[in-house]
Amino acid sequence: MSTSLLDRPTIDTVSRESFAEELQQTMAAINLEFHWFGINRSVTASQKEQAAETFDAKGQFVSMGKKLIDTNHPAWKAIIKVRGKIQKYWEAMSLPYPQPGVRLVRRHDLETFEETMRDLQAELRLAERNLDIHFDELRSKAREKLGSLYNPGDYPVSLIGMFTVEWDFPNVEAPDYLRIVSPKLYNGEMERVRSRFSEAVSMAENAFFSELIKMVDHLIERLSGSEDGKQKVFRDTAVTNLLDFFERFQRLNIGSSEELDRVVGHVRRIVDGVTPDSLRGSDALRQQVSHKLSLVQSELDGLMVDRPRRNLILPQRETAIRQAS
């Protein structure tokens, strides 16, 4: 009796160990961290009691806070945009690793990563200086909008140095000194490291699966049906994001999952040569692409259900952001 793809493991244990070893030998661990001025503050107990009285409530049963800066101000939006740009680049260049704030970058990409991050760091400083130029204006507006909740002590003298991004290269290998101090501890640490890189292989596969499912689902939803009798709004990113995914997959994928390689190749062939404009201009093409992607969608759902439960947990945002008070 034949065995379907869903009835056999993605790769055997020996193969997974070899892929984990490849990951360990070709990737570098990088920790990225934002230090960010926190714009949300708690109110005093008396202020909370006063607000609660308005609703005939007790202060201890009410949660209340205040916002220090108008987040609709162009200067604030600009600095948030830079942070998002840094986050996006960081994730596009790396694979997940089972340690908060740490991801894996290919060693031959380290110089490019460093140069680009330096440029983005400089861009963040410019956005910070621009925000600082408008700081008096932002405080004045806060004083007006917050009324008696306004507290000048919530604000620093200047915003310079309050928004930074830093990165370093943490050692994720077993420390050499353990080899001399305690061979037993060293061997245990070596095993822990191997286990973490094996988990990193699974995390990488899961991240690619999850991202592909999300984009395929979105494209199908945009191509199918109409809203209020009109064709659904179809933005270029519905296709270009897929093309970016293919490029990143080709650069970072280590080939640990035959099913993943196959289904990515299938989606790529479906959208090969398809442009946003061609989809907008042809109902027949929209229906054709939507139908083919729907078949892949069912296959992707089945593959994800068949994967071990620990691989189904979507990776959370890994960059640490410290709220400076």
Protein backbone atom coordinates (compact mmCIF):
# COMPACT_ATOMS: atom_id res chain seq x y z
CA MET A 1 0.00 0.00 0.00
CA SER A 2 1.41 3.41 -0.95
CA THR A 3 2.26 5.96 1.70
CA SER A 4 1.15 9.56 1.28
CA LEU A 5 3.33 12.53 2.12
CA LEU A 6 1.28 13.12 5.23
CA ASP A 7 1.93 9.58 6.52
CA ARG A 8 5.71 9.87 6.76
CA PRO A 9 7.97 12.23 8.68
CA THR A 10 9.43 15.24 6.92
CA ILE A 11 12.95 13.88 7.44
CA ASP A 12 14.37 11.12 9.62
CA THR A 13 16.22 11.80 12.86
CA VAL A 14 19.67 11.32 11.34
CA SER A 15 18.91 13.77 8.54
CA ARG A 16 17.53 16.33 10.98
CA GLU A 17 20.72 16.13 13.02
CA SER A 18 22.78 16.73 9.88
CA PHE A 19 20.69 19.78 8.98
CA ALA A 20 21.05 21.07 12.52
CA GLU A 21 24.82 20.63 12.23
CA GLU A 22 24.81 22.51 8.92
CA LEU A 23 22.87 25.33 10.53
CA GLN A 24 25.36 25.42 13.41
CA GLN A 25 28.34 25.58 11.05
CA THR A 26 27.01 28.13 8.56
CA MET A 27 25.01 30.56 10.71
CA ALA A 28 25.92 33.20 13.28
CA ALA A 29 23.72 34.11 16.23
CA ILE A 30 22.82 37.79 16.49
CA ASN A 31 20.91 39.50 19.26
CA LEU A 32 18.94 42.63 18.34
CA GLU A 33 17.51 44.99 20.92
CA PHE A 34 15.57 48.24 20.80
CA HIS A 35 15.67 50.73 23.66
CA TRP A 36 12.52 52.80 23.34
CA PHE A 37 11.00 55.69 25.26
CA GLY A 38 7.73 54.35 26.66
CA ILE A 39 4.84 56.70 25.94
CA ASN A 40 2.29 55.00 28.21
CA ARG A 41 2.12 55.70 31.94
CA SER A 42 -0.05 54.65 34.82
CA VAL A 43 -2.05 57.29 36.66
CA THR A 44 -1.86 57.88 40.41
CA ALA A 45 -4.18 56.02 42.77
CA SER A 46 -6.09 59.21 43.56
CA GLN A 47 -6.58 59.99 39.87
CA LYS A 48 -7.87 56.47 39.29
CA GLU A 49 -10.29 56.80 42.22
CA GLN A 50 -11.50 60.12 40.87
CA ALA A 51 -12.13 58.65 37.41
CA ALA A 52 -13.85 55.59 38.91
CA GLU A 53 -16.29 57.79 40.81
CA THR A 54 -17.65 59.01 37.48
CA PHE A 55 -18.99 55.51 36.90
CA ASP A 56 -19.80 54.82 40.53
CA ALA A 57 -17.00 52.24 40.58
CA LYS A 58 -14.17 51.37 42.96
CA GLY A 59 -10.64 52.35 41.96
CA GLN A 60 -9.16 48.92 42.71
CA PHE A 61 -11.44 47.42 40.06
CA VAL A 62 -10.47 49.97 37.39
CA SER A 63 -7.41 49.88 35.11
CA MET A 64 -6.36 53.24 33.73
CA GLY A 65 -3.41 54.77 31.93
CA LYS A 66 -2.40 57.81 29.92
CA LYS A 67 -0.53 58.42 26.68
CA LEU A 68 2.31 60.96 26.79
CA ILE A 69 2.71 61.66 23.09
CA ASP A 70 0.32 62.17 20.18
CA THR A 71 1.01 59.05 18.11
CA ASN A 72 -0.60 60.66 15.06
CA HIS A 73 2.15 63.29 14.85
CA PRO A 74 4.20 62.86 11.63
CA ALA A 75 7.49 62.86 13.56
CA TRP A 76 6.30 60.01 15.78
CA LYS A 77 5.00 58.05 12.79
CA ALA A 78 8.36 58.54 11.08
CA ILE A 79 10.37 57.03 13.92
CA ILE A 80 7.94 54.12 14.22
CA LYS A 81 8.33 53.54 10.48
CA VAL A 82 12.13 53.31 10.85
CA ARG A 83 11.76 50.81 13.68
CA GLY A 84 9.48 48.71 11.48
CA LYS A 85 12.00 48.93 8.65
CA ILE A 86 14.77 47.67 10.93
CA GLN A 87 12.58 44.85 12.24
CA LYS A 88 11.61 43.81 8.72
CA TYR A 89 15.21 43.74 7.51
CA TRP A 90 16.33 41.81 10.59
CA GLU A 91 13.70 39.13 10.02
CA ALA A 92 14.27 38.99 6.25
CA MET A 93 17.98 38.28 6.73
CA SER A 94 17.66 35.65 9.43
CA LEU A 95 16.12 32.45 10.72
CA PRO A 96 14.51 31.99 14.16
CA TYR A 97 16.42 30.54 17.09
CA PRO A 98 14.98 29.23 20.39
CA GLN A 99 16.33 32.08 22.50
CA PRO A 100 14.48 35.40 22.94
CA GLY A 101 15.92 38.25 20.89
CA VAL A 102 18.29 35.97 18.97
CA ARG A 103 18.12 34.95 15.30
CA LEU A 104 20.53 33.23 12.94
CA VAL A 105 22.20 35.05 10.03
CA ARG A 106 24.31 33.34 7.39
CA ARG A 107 27.97 33.99 8.11
CA HIS A 108 28.70 35.11 4.55
CA ASP A 109 25.95 37.75 4.96
CA LEU A 110 27.42 39.26 8.13
CA GLU A 111 29.27 42.15 6.47
CA THR A 112 26.21 43.10 4.43
CA PHE A 113 24.05 42.83 7.55
CA GLU A 114 26.41 45.04 9.56
CA GLU A 115 26.65 47.71 6.85
CA THR A 116 22.89 47.84 6.34
CA MET A 117 22.20 47.95 10.07
CA ARG A 118 24.65 50.84 10.49
CA ASP A 119 22.75 52.75 7.79
CA LEU A 120 19.43 51.96 9.47
CA GLN A 121 20.86 52.96 12.84
CA ALA A 122 21.85 56.33 11.35
CA GLU A 123 18.34 56.66 9.89
CA LEU A 124 16.89 56.03 13.35
CA ARG A 125 19.10 58.76 14.84
CA LEU A 126 17.85 61.23 12.22
CA ALA A 127 14.24 60.34 13.02
CA GLU A 128 15.02 60.73 16.73
CA ARG A 129 16.51 64.20 16.19
CA ASN A 130 13.49 65.24 14.15
CA LEU A 131 11.17 63.99 16.90
CA ASP A 132 13.20 65.92 19.47
CA ILE A 133 12.78 69.10 17.41
CA HIS A 134 9.02 68.71 17.85
CA PHE A 135 9.26 67.66 21.50
CA ASP A 136 8.12 71.01 22.96
CA GLU A 137 5.16 70.98 20.61
CA LEU A 138 4.29 67.42 21.64
CA ARG A 139 4.51 68.26 25.35
CA SER A 140 2.35 71.35 24.90
CA LYS A 141 -0.31 69.32 23.14
CA ALA A 142 -0.12 66.66 25.86
CA ARG A 143 -0.55 69.33 28.54
CA GLU A 144 -3.66 70.53 26.72
CA LYS A 145 -5.16 67.08 26.12
CA LEU A 146 -4.27 65.43 29.46
CA GLY A 147 -5.43 68.28 31.66
CA SER A 148 -4.83 67.48 35.34
CA LEU A 149 -3.31 64.13 34.34
CA TYR A 150 -0.35 65.94 32.80
CA ASN A 151 2.85 65.53 34.79
CA PRO A 152 6.04 67.24 33.55
CA GLY A 153 8.03 64.64 35.47
CA ASP A 154 6.90 62.00 32.96
CA TYR A 155 9.02 63.63 30.28
CA PRO A 156 12.82 63.71 29.88
CA VAL A 157 14.60 66.98 29.12
CA SER A 158 15.38 65.69 25.63
CA LEU A 159 14.51 62.66 23.53
CA ILE A 160 18.05 62.30 22.23
CA GLY A 161 19.36 58.87 23.18
CA MET A 162 15.89 57.56 24.07
CA PHE A 163 15.43 55.60 20.83
CA THR A 164 18.27 53.25 19.93
CA VAL A 165 18.90 49.90 18.33
CA GLU A 166 21.83 47.68 19.22
CA TRP A 167 23.01 44.25 18.16
CA ASP A 168 25.71 41.85 19.22
CA PHE A 169 26.90 38.31 18.60
CA PRO A 170 26.12 36.11 21.61
CA ASN A 171 27.97 32.85 22.01
CA VAL A 172 25.52 30.00 21.56
CA GLU A 173 28.20 27.30 21.56
CA ALA A 174 29.45 25.31 24.52
CA PRO A 175 32.18 27.38 26.27
CA ASP A 176 35.67 25.89 25.78
CA TYR A 177 36.64 26.32 29.43
CA LEU A 178 34.07 23.65 30.39
CA ARG A 179 36.12 21.10 28.48
CA ILE A 180 38.89 21.50 31.07
CA VAL A 181 36.79 22.30 34.13
CA SER A 182 34.29 19.49 33.67
CA PRO A 183 34.19 17.24 30.58
CA LYS A 184 30.83 15.93 31.80
CA LEU A 185 29.34 19.42 31.92
CA TYR A 186 30.92 20.21 28.56
CA ASN A 187 29.35 17.17 26.91
CA GLY A 188 26.00 18.07 28.43
CA GLU A 189 26.26 21.61 27.10
CA MET A 190 27.26 20.28 23.66
CA GLU A 191 24.12 18.17 23.64
CA ARG A 192 22.00 21.17 24.67
CA VAL A 193 23.48 23.21 21.81
CA ARG A 194 22.76 20.43 19.30
CA SER A 195 19.21 20.22 20.60
CA ARG A 196 18.71 23.97 20.17
CA PHE A 197 19.93 23.95 16.59
CA SER A 198 17.69 20.98 15.85
CA GLU A 199 14.80 23.02 17.24
CA ALA A 200 15.94 25.95 15.10
CA VAL A 201 15.55 23.75 12.01
CA SER A 202 11.95 23.00 12.99
CA MET A 203 11.30 26.67 13.79
CA ALA A 204 12.60 27.71 10.38
CA GLU A 205 10.36 25.21 8.60
CA ASN A 206 7.35 26.30 10.64
CA ALA A 207 8.04 29.99 10.00
CA PHE A 208 8.22 29.41 6.24
CA PHE A 209 5.08 27.24 6.26
CA SER A 210 3.15 29.79 8.33
CA GLU A 211 4.20 32.76 6.22
CA LEU A 212 3.38 30.98 2.96
CA ILE A 213 -0.07 29.94 4.25
CA LYS A 214 -0.82 33.51 5.31
CA MET A 215 0.15 34.98 1.92
CA VAL A 216 -1.63 32.29 -0.11
CA ASP A 217 -4.79 32.75 1.97
CA HIS A 218 -4.63 36.52 1.48
CA LEU A 219 -4.11 36.30 -2.27
CA ILE A 220 -6.98 33.84 -2.67
CA GLU A 221 -9.25 36.09 -0.61
CA ARG A 222 -8.36 39.10 -2.76
CA LEU A 223 -8.88 37.19 -6.02
CA SER A 224 -12.18 35.59 -5.04
CA GLY A 225 -15.61 37.19 -5.23
CA SER A 226 -16.48 40.83 -4.79
CA GLU A 227 -17.45 43.39 -2.17
CA ASP A 228 -20.74 45.28 -2.56
CA GLY A 229 -20.95 44.11 -6.15
CA LYS A 230 -17.49 45.45 -6.98
CA GLN A 231 -14.25 43.62 -7.54
CA LYS A 232 -12.24 43.43 -4.32
CA VAL A 233 -9.39 45.91 -3.91
CA PHE A 234 -6.25 44.20 -5.09
CA ARG A 235 -2.93 45.76 -4.07
CA ASP A 236 0.41 45.00 -5.66
CA THR A 237 1.78 43.68 -2.35
CA ALA A 238 -0.53 40.65 -2.57
CA VAL A 239 1.82 39.42 -5.32
CA THR A 240 5.09 41.24 -4.58
CA ASN A 241 5.17 39.93 -1.01
CA LEU A 242 5.09 36.41 -2.43
CA LEU A 243 7.98 37.22 -4.76
CA ASP A 244 9.97 38.60 -1.80
CA PHE A 245 9.19 35.40 0.10
CA PHE A 246 10.53 33.25 -2.75
CA GLU A 247 13.78 35.21 -2.81
CA ARG A 248 14.22 34.95 0.95
CA PHE A 249 13.31 31.26 0.94
CA GLN A 250 15.90 30.54 -1.72
CA ARG A 251 18.56 32.42 0.27
CA LEU A 252 17.83 31.03 3.74
CA ASN A 253 16.26 27.61 3.21
CA ILE A 254 18.55 24.70 4.14
CA GLY A 255 16.47 22.05 2.38
CA SER A 256 15.42 20.24 5.53
CA SER A 257 11.83 19.62 4.35
CA GLU A 258 11.07 18.05 0.99
CA GLU A 259 7.37 18.89 1.42
CA LEU A 260 8.16 22.55 2.06
CA ASP A 261 10.48 22.74 -0.95
CA ARG A 262 7.85 21.09 -3.13
CA VAL A 263 4.90 23.25 -2.09
CA VAL A 264 6.92 26.49 -2.34
CA GLY A 265 7.97 25.44 -5.85
CA HIS A 266 4.33 24.72 -6.71
CA VAL A 267 3.15 28.17 -5.60
CA ARG A 268 6.05 29.78 -7.41
CA ARG A 269 5.11 28.09 -10.69
CA ILE A 270 1.48 29.21 -10.29
CA VAL A 271 2.38 32.90 -9.98
CA ASP A 272 5.38 32.81 -12.33
CA GLY A 273 4.96 35.62 -14.85
CA VAL A 274 1.76 36.83 -13.20
CA THR A 275 1.71 40.56 -12.44
CA PRO A 276 -0.72 42.60 -10.35
CA ASP A 277 -1.87 44.44 -13.47
CA SER A 278 -2.51 41.22 -15.40
CA LEU A 279 -4.67 39.95 -12.53
CA ARG A 280 -6.62 43.20 -12.41
CA GLY A 281 -7.21 43.09 -16.15
CA SER A 282 -8.41 39.51 -16.55
CA ASP A 283 -11.22 37.81 -14.67
CA ALA A 284 -10.26 34.50 -16.29
CA LEU A 285 -6.69 34.77 -15.01
CA ARG A 286 -7.92 35.69 -11.53
CA GLN A 287 -10.17 32.63 -11.44
CA GLN A 288 -7.42 30.37 -12.79
CA VAL A 289 -4.81 31.51 -10.27
CA SER A 290 -7.36 31.42 -7.43
CA HIS A 291 -8.39 27.85 -8.29
CA LYS A 292 -4.80 26.57 -8.45
CA LEU A 293 -3.88 28.29 -5.21
CA SER A 294 -6.95 26.83 -3.50
CA LEU A 295 -5.62 23.34 -4.23
CA VAL A 296 -2.27 24.30 -2.70
CA GLN A 297 -4.09 25.89 0.24
CA SER A 298 -5.72 22.58 1.13
CA GLU A 299 -2.39 20.81 0.88
CA LEU A 300 -0.68 23.38 3.09
CA ASP A 301 -3.38 23.07 5.73
CA GLY A 302 -2.93 19.30 5.75
CA LEU A 303 0.84 19.54 6.07
CA MET A 304 0.59 21.94 8.98
CA VAL A 305 -1.90 19.72 10.81
CA ASP A 306 0.45 16.76 10.36
CA ARG A 307 3.46 18.57 11.81
CA PRO A 308 4.40 18.02 15.48
CA ARG A 309 2.44 20.25 17.82
CA ARG A 310 5.56 22.08 19.03
CA ASN A 311 6.11 23.24 15.46
CA LEU A 312 2.63 24.72 15.23
CA ILE A 313 3.31 27.47 17.73
CA LEU A 314 3.82 30.57 15.65
CA PRO A 315 7.06 32.38 16.51
CA GLN A 316 6.40 35.57 18.40
CA ARG A 317 8.11 38.87 17.72
CA GLU A 318 11.61 38.12 18.92
CA THR A 319 13.20 41.52 19.20
CA ALA A 320 13.38 42.77 22.75
CA ILE A 321 12.04 46.30 23.27
CA ARG A 322 12.83 47.93 26.57
CA GLN A 323 10.52 50.73 27.60
CA ALA A 324 12.66 53.54 28.97
CA SER A 325 11.02 55.38 31.83
